[in-house]
Amino acid sequence: MPYFENSSGVNIYFETIGEGRPIIFIHPPLLGHNVFKYQKKLSEHFKVILFDGRGHGKSSYKPCSGGVLDTHVKDLRDLVEFLNIKKPIIVGYSNGGLIAQLYALKFPNDIEVLIFFGGYPVVNSITLAMIYQLGIGFMKTNNKTLLSYILSRTHAVTEEDQKELFVYMLKANNKSVLELYCEGKDTNLIDQLSKFNNLPILAIYGMNDWYTKKYNKFYSGLKQSKTVLVEGATHQIPIRCHEEVNAAITHFLRDL
């Protein structure tokens, strides 16, 4: 299995598939790299890189030194340097989009494209705040199994998807998941978004994603931003709408 030990002594699990322009995918709390299982199809045209964040899936856990999201950004940077990637395309799903944005802010000259699945720069709506509070509540009361069941059911298309996601989420370290929920809820990047004006951004949302679609307003005014709305889709688009998502990524990158 492909692992590397990063600069803080955490063993990070990763997979690389295909050749070409490198695309790195960042998962949300509790979910692991397998939420992007259908994005492996992109390896026909690109180099797809999937990994488990610290404390998730097959990656080990150590307490974050400093800010939680900043530590995950450093973990991502260690992976980029380990794989000797110069300018990756970074894809963040939901809370993973916060890590992607912070990476772009910290390393603006070392990223080619920023892509979001249901991305947002701040949690300032009642609905999204409730989602975060539910996640925090489940983890604080040691209900990881129930939350894993709910997330696996809402993300899966097939029974195989559901079982695979559920079993994998149970591997996550409770503290790591809770840390990401807590800091994500309090993060606000709105005042820094103008720094993305010269960075190509693709924001993909489900048309029926009632708790993150509205956040596209923060990106739509940026000079090189494009929005794709997937008809009939909710927030869980990497698996449920993988054909549309993969096509949007492929077309956007080919047109650059």
Protein backbone atom coordinates (compact mmCIF):
# COMPACT_ATOMS: atom_id res chain seq x y z
CA MET A 1 0.00 0.00 0.00
CA PRO A 2 1.32 3.49 -0.84
CA TYR A 3 2.11 5.48 2.28
CA PHE A 4 4.54 8.22 3.14
CA GLU A 5 5.51 9.69 6.47
CA ASN A 6 5.02 13.44 6.40
CA SER A 7 6.97 16.17 8.17
CA SER A 8 4.97 15.78 11.39
CA GLY A 9 5.33 12.00 11.55
CA VAL A 10 1.86 11.12 10.23
CA ASN A 11 1.60 8.20 7.82
CA ILE A 12 -0.53 9.37 4.92
CA TYR A 13 -2.23 6.84 2.66
CA PHE A 14 -2.51 7.83 -1.00
CA GLU A 15 -3.24 6.43 -4.44
CA THR A 16 -2.11 7.67 -7.86
CA ILE A 17 -3.78 6.54 -11.06
CA GLY A 18 -3.01 7.54 -14.64
CA GLU A 19 -0.69 10.06 -16.24
CA GLY A 20 -0.89 13.70 -17.23
CA ARG A 21 -1.87 16.85 -15.37
CA PRO A 22 -2.15 15.99 -11.67
CA ILE A 23 -5.51 16.34 -9.89
CA ILE A 24 -5.58 15.99 -6.10
CA PHE A 25 -8.92 15.37 -4.35
CA ILE A 26 -9.62 16.45 -0.73
CA HIS A 27 -12.45 14.73 1.14
CA PRO A 28 -14.66 16.18 3.95
CA PRO A 29 -14.62 15.07 7.60
CA LEU A 30 -15.33 11.36 8.30
CA LEU A 31 -15.47 10.43 4.63
CA GLY A 32 -12.25 9.05 3.15
CA HIS A 33 -10.60 8.99 -0.25
CA ASN A 34 -13.12 6.43 -1.53
CA VAL A 35 -15.84 9.10 -1.80
CA PHE A 36 -13.99 9.91 -5.04
CA LYS A 37 -14.01 6.31 -6.30
CA TYR A 38 -15.80 7.31 -9.50
CA GLN A 39 -13.38 10.15 -10.18
CA LYS A 40 -10.74 7.49 -10.89
CA LYS A 41 -12.30 7.42 -14.37
CA LEU A 42 -10.57 10.78 -14.96
CA SER A 43 -7.28 8.87 -15.02
CA GLU A 44 -7.96 8.23 -18.71
CA HIS A 45 -6.87 11.83 -19.29
CA PHE A 46 -5.20 13.01 -16.06
CA LYS A 47 -3.11 11.81 -13.14
CA VAL A 48 -5.63 11.27 -10.33
CA ILE A 49 -4.34 11.47 -6.75
CA LEU A 50 -6.53 10.40 -3.85
CA PHE A 51 -5.48 10.41 -0.20
CA ASP A 52 -6.84 10.05 3.31
CA GLY A 53 -6.38 13.10 5.50
CA ARG A 54 -4.75 12.57 8.88
CA GLY A 55 -6.96 10.59 11.21
CA HIS A 56 -9.12 9.31 8.36
CA GLY A 57 -9.24 5.96 6.57
CA LYS A 58 -5.81 4.35 6.42
CA SER A 59 -3.85 7.46 7.48
CA SER A 60 -2.59 7.71 11.04
CA TYR A 61 -3.45 10.47 13.47
CA LYS A 62 -1.51 12.95 15.53
CA PRO A 63 -2.96 16.07 17.18
CA CYS A 64 -2.69 19.14 14.98
CA SER A 65 0.08 21.58 15.87
CA GLY A 66 -1.50 25.01 15.53
CA GLY A 67 -4.65 25.48 13.48
CA VAL A 68 -6.46 22.34 12.35
CA LEU A 69 -7.06 23.43 8.76
CA ASP A 70 -3.55 24.89 8.50
CA THR A 71 -2.16 21.53 9.62
CA HIS A 72 -4.16 19.74 6.93
CA VAL A 73 -2.85 22.27 4.40
CA LYS A 74 0.69 21.43 5.50
CA ASP A 75 -0.10 17.72 5.16
CA LEU A 76 -1.29 18.37 1.60
CA ARG A 77 1.86 20.36 0.85
CA ASP A 78 3.98 17.46 2.13
CA LEU A 79 2.14 15.12 -0.25
CA VAL A 80 2.63 17.49 -3.19
CA GLU A 81 6.36 17.71 -2.46
CA PHE A 82 6.68 13.96 -1.87
CA LEU A 83 5.15 13.28 -5.29
CA ASN A 84 7.27 16.06 -6.83
CA ILE A 85 4.25 17.84 -8.29
CA LYS A 86 4.85 21.40 -9.46
CA LYS A 87 1.38 22.88 -10.00
CA PRO A 88 -1.46 20.53 -9.05
CA ILE A 89 -5.13 20.94 -9.79
CA ILE A 90 -6.76 20.90 -6.35
CA VAL A 91 -10.32 19.62 -5.87
CA GLY A 92 -12.09 20.08 -2.54
CA TYR A 93 -15.43 18.54 -1.68
CA SER A 94 -17.58 20.43 0.85
CA ASN A 95 -15.40 21.08 3.95
CA GLY A 96 -12.46 19.82 1.90
CA GLY A 97 -12.93 22.95 -0.18
CA LEU A 98 -11.82 25.06 2.79
CA ILE A 99 -8.51 23.19 2.85
CA ALA A 100 -8.22 23.65 -0.92
CA GLN A 101 -8.80 27.40 -0.64
CA LEU A 102 -6.32 27.79 2.21
CA TYR A 103 -3.75 25.86 0.17
CA ALA A 104 -4.28 28.22 -2.77
CA LEU A 105 -3.92 31.24 -0.50
CA LYS A 106 -0.69 29.95 1.02
CA PHE A 107 0.86 28.70 -2.22
CA PRO A 108 -0.66 30.94 -4.93
CA ASN A 109 2.11 30.27 -7.44
CA ASP A 110 2.03 26.52 -6.97
CA ILE A 111 -1.50 25.64 -8.03
CA GLU A 112 -2.92 25.43 -11.54
CA VAL A 113 -6.68 25.24 -10.94
CA LEU A 114 -9.06 25.25 -7.97
CA ILE A 115 -12.20 23.09 -8.19
CA PHE A 116 -15.06 22.81 -5.67
CA PHE A 117 -17.81 20.27 -5.21
CA GLY A 118 -20.34 22.20 -3.11
CA GLY A 119 -17.70 24.68 -1.95
CA TYR A 120 -18.02 27.67 0.37
CA PRO A 121 -15.72 30.25 1.99
CA VAL A 122 -17.67 30.61 5.23
CA VAL A 123 -20.46 28.93 7.18
CA ASN A 124 -22.93 31.79 7.48
CA SER A 125 -26.28 30.24 6.60
CA ILE A 126 -28.65 28.60 9.05
CA THR A 127 -28.89 25.40 7.02
CA LEU A 128 -25.16 24.80 6.62
CA ALA A 129 -24.53 25.77 10.25
CA MET A 130 -27.09 23.13 11.28
CA ILE A 131 -25.26 20.50 9.24
CA TYR A 132 -22.03 21.37 11.03
CA GLN A 133 -23.73 21.33 14.43
CA LEU A 134 -25.17 17.90 13.69
CA GLY A 135 -21.71 16.60 12.81
CA ILE A 136 -20.23 18.12 15.95
CA GLY A 137 -23.05 16.73 18.08
CA PHE A 138 -22.69 13.21 16.67
CA MET A 139 -18.94 13.16 17.30
CA LYS A 140 -19.14 14.67 20.80
CA THR A 141 -21.66 12.00 21.82
CA ASN A 142 -19.61 9.17 20.26
CA ASN A 143 -22.21 8.47 17.59
CA LYS A 144 -19.74 8.02 14.75
CA THR A 145 -21.45 4.80 13.68
CA LEU A 146 -24.81 6.50 13.21
CA LEU A 147 -23.28 9.47 11.37
CA SER A 148 -21.33 7.06 9.14
CA TYR A 149 -24.54 5.23 8.35
CA ILE A 150 -26.37 8.45 7.46
CA LEU A 151 -23.54 9.75 5.26
CA SER A 152 -23.05 6.43 3.51
CA ARG A 153 -26.76 6.23 2.73
CA THR A 154 -26.98 9.79 1.41
CA HIS A 155 -23.86 9.43 -0.76
CA ALA A 156 -24.28 5.93 -2.20
CA VAL A 157 -25.87 4.89 -5.46
CA THR A 158 -25.46 1.14 -5.02
CA GLU A 159 -25.48 -1.14 -1.98
CA GLU A 160 -21.80 -1.77 -2.64
CA ASP A 161 -21.12 1.99 -2.47
CA GLN A 162 -23.02 2.24 0.81
CA LYS A 163 -21.21 -0.66 2.48
CA GLU A 164 -17.79 0.46 1.27
CA LEU A 165 -18.28 4.05 2.46
CA PHE A 166 -19.76 2.97 5.80
CA VAL A 167 -16.98 0.54 6.69
CA TYR A 168 -14.31 3.02 5.68
CA MET A 169 -15.77 5.88 7.71
CA LEU A 170 -15.63 3.75 10.84
CA LYS A 171 -11.83 3.83 10.56
CA ALA A 172 -11.74 7.58 11.21
CA ASN A 173 -10.33 8.97 14.44
CA ASN A 174 -13.15 10.68 16.35
CA LYS A 175 -11.01 13.59 17.48
CA SER A 176 -9.76 14.29 13.97
CA VAL A 177 -13.30 14.41 12.60
CA LEU A 178 -14.48 16.65 15.42
CA GLU A 179 -11.53 19.03 14.92
CA LEU A 180 -12.39 19.51 11.25
CA TYR A 181 -16.06 20.14 11.96
CA CYS A 182 -15.31 22.64 14.73
CA GLU A 183 -12.70 24.69 12.90
CA GLY A 184 -14.53 24.54 9.58
CA LYS A 185 -17.62 26.03 11.21
CA ASP A 186 -15.61 29.04 12.42
CA THR A 187 -13.54 29.68 9.27
CA ASN A 188 -14.18 32.80 7.18
CA LEU A 189 -12.27 33.35 3.94
CA ILE A 190 -14.59 35.92 2.33
CA ASP A 191 -12.19 38.85 2.67
CA GLN A 192 -9.44 36.88 0.92
CA LEU A 193 -11.37 35.70 -2.13
CA SER A 194 -10.17 38.59 -4.31
CA LYS A 195 -6.75 36.91 -4.25
CA PHE A 196 -8.24 34.21 -6.48
CA ASN A 197 -8.95 36.60 -9.37
CA ASN A 198 -6.11 35.22 -11.47
CA LEU A 199 -6.74 31.58 -10.60
CA PRO A 200 -9.05 29.43 -12.75
CA ILE A 201 -11.90 28.17 -10.55
CA LEU A 202 -14.60 25.62 -11.34
CA ALA A 203 -17.47 25.51 -8.83
CA ILE A 204 -19.82 22.55 -9.20
CA TYR A 205 -23.10 22.42 -7.27
CA GLY A 206 -26.21 20.30 -7.30
CA MET A 207 -29.23 22.23 -8.49
CA ASN A 208 -31.09 20.97 -5.40
CA ASP A 209 -28.21 21.56 -2.99
CA TRP A 210 -30.07 23.91 -0.69
CA TYR A 211 -27.27 24.43 1.81
CA THR A 212 -24.22 25.21 -0.33
CA LYS A 213 -25.46 26.23 -3.81
CA LYS A 214 -26.11 29.78 -2.60
CA TYR A 215 -22.41 30.16 -1.77
CA ASN A 216 -21.57 30.30 -5.47
CA LYS A 217 -22.30 34.04 -5.26
CA PHE A 218 -18.92 34.48 -3.56
CA TYR A 219 -17.04 32.94 -6.51
CA SER A 220 -19.13 33.98 -9.52
CA GLY A 221 -17.67 37.50 -9.54
CA LEU A 222 -14.07 36.31 -9.77
CA LYS A 223 -12.44 36.85 -13.16
CA GLN A 224 -11.70 33.22 -14.04
CA SER A 225 -14.53 31.45 -12.22
CA LYS A 226 -17.05 29.15 -13.87
CA THR A 227 -20.11 27.55 -12.27
CA VAL A 228 -21.73 24.25 -13.24
CA LEU A 229 -25.12 23.36 -11.77
CA VAL A 230 -26.02 19.66 -12.00
CA GLU A 231 -29.71 19.19 -12.72
CA GLY A 232 -31.63 17.27 -10.06
CA ALA A 233 -28.57 16.82 -7.84
CA THR A 234 -28.13 17.51 -4.15
CA HIS A 235 -24.86 18.07 -2.26
CA GLN A 236 -23.55 14.51 -2.64
CA ILE A 237 -22.37 14.81 -6.24
CA PRO A 238 -18.99 12.98 -6.43
CA ILE A 239 -20.69 9.56 -6.42
CA ARG A 240 -24.33 10.28 -7.19
CA CYS A 241 -23.57 12.49 -10.22
CA HIS A 242 -20.10 11.26 -11.13
CA GLU A 243 -20.67 11.28 -14.89
CA GLU A 244 -21.74 14.92 -14.92
CA VAL A 245 -18.99 15.92 -12.47
CA ASN A 246 -16.26 14.14 -14.42
CA ALA A 247 -17.46 15.63 -17.69
CA ALA A 248 -17.49 19.15 -16.21
CA ILE A 249 -13.92 18.76 -14.92
CA THR A 250 -12.68 17.33 -18.21
CA HIS A 251 -14.25 20.06 -20.33
CA PHE A 252 -13.09 22.87 -18.05
CA LEU A 253 -9.49 21.68 -17.97
CA ARG A 254 -9.35 21.03 -21.70
CA ASP A 255 -10.56 24.57 -22.43
CA LEU A 256 -7.82 26.24 -20.37
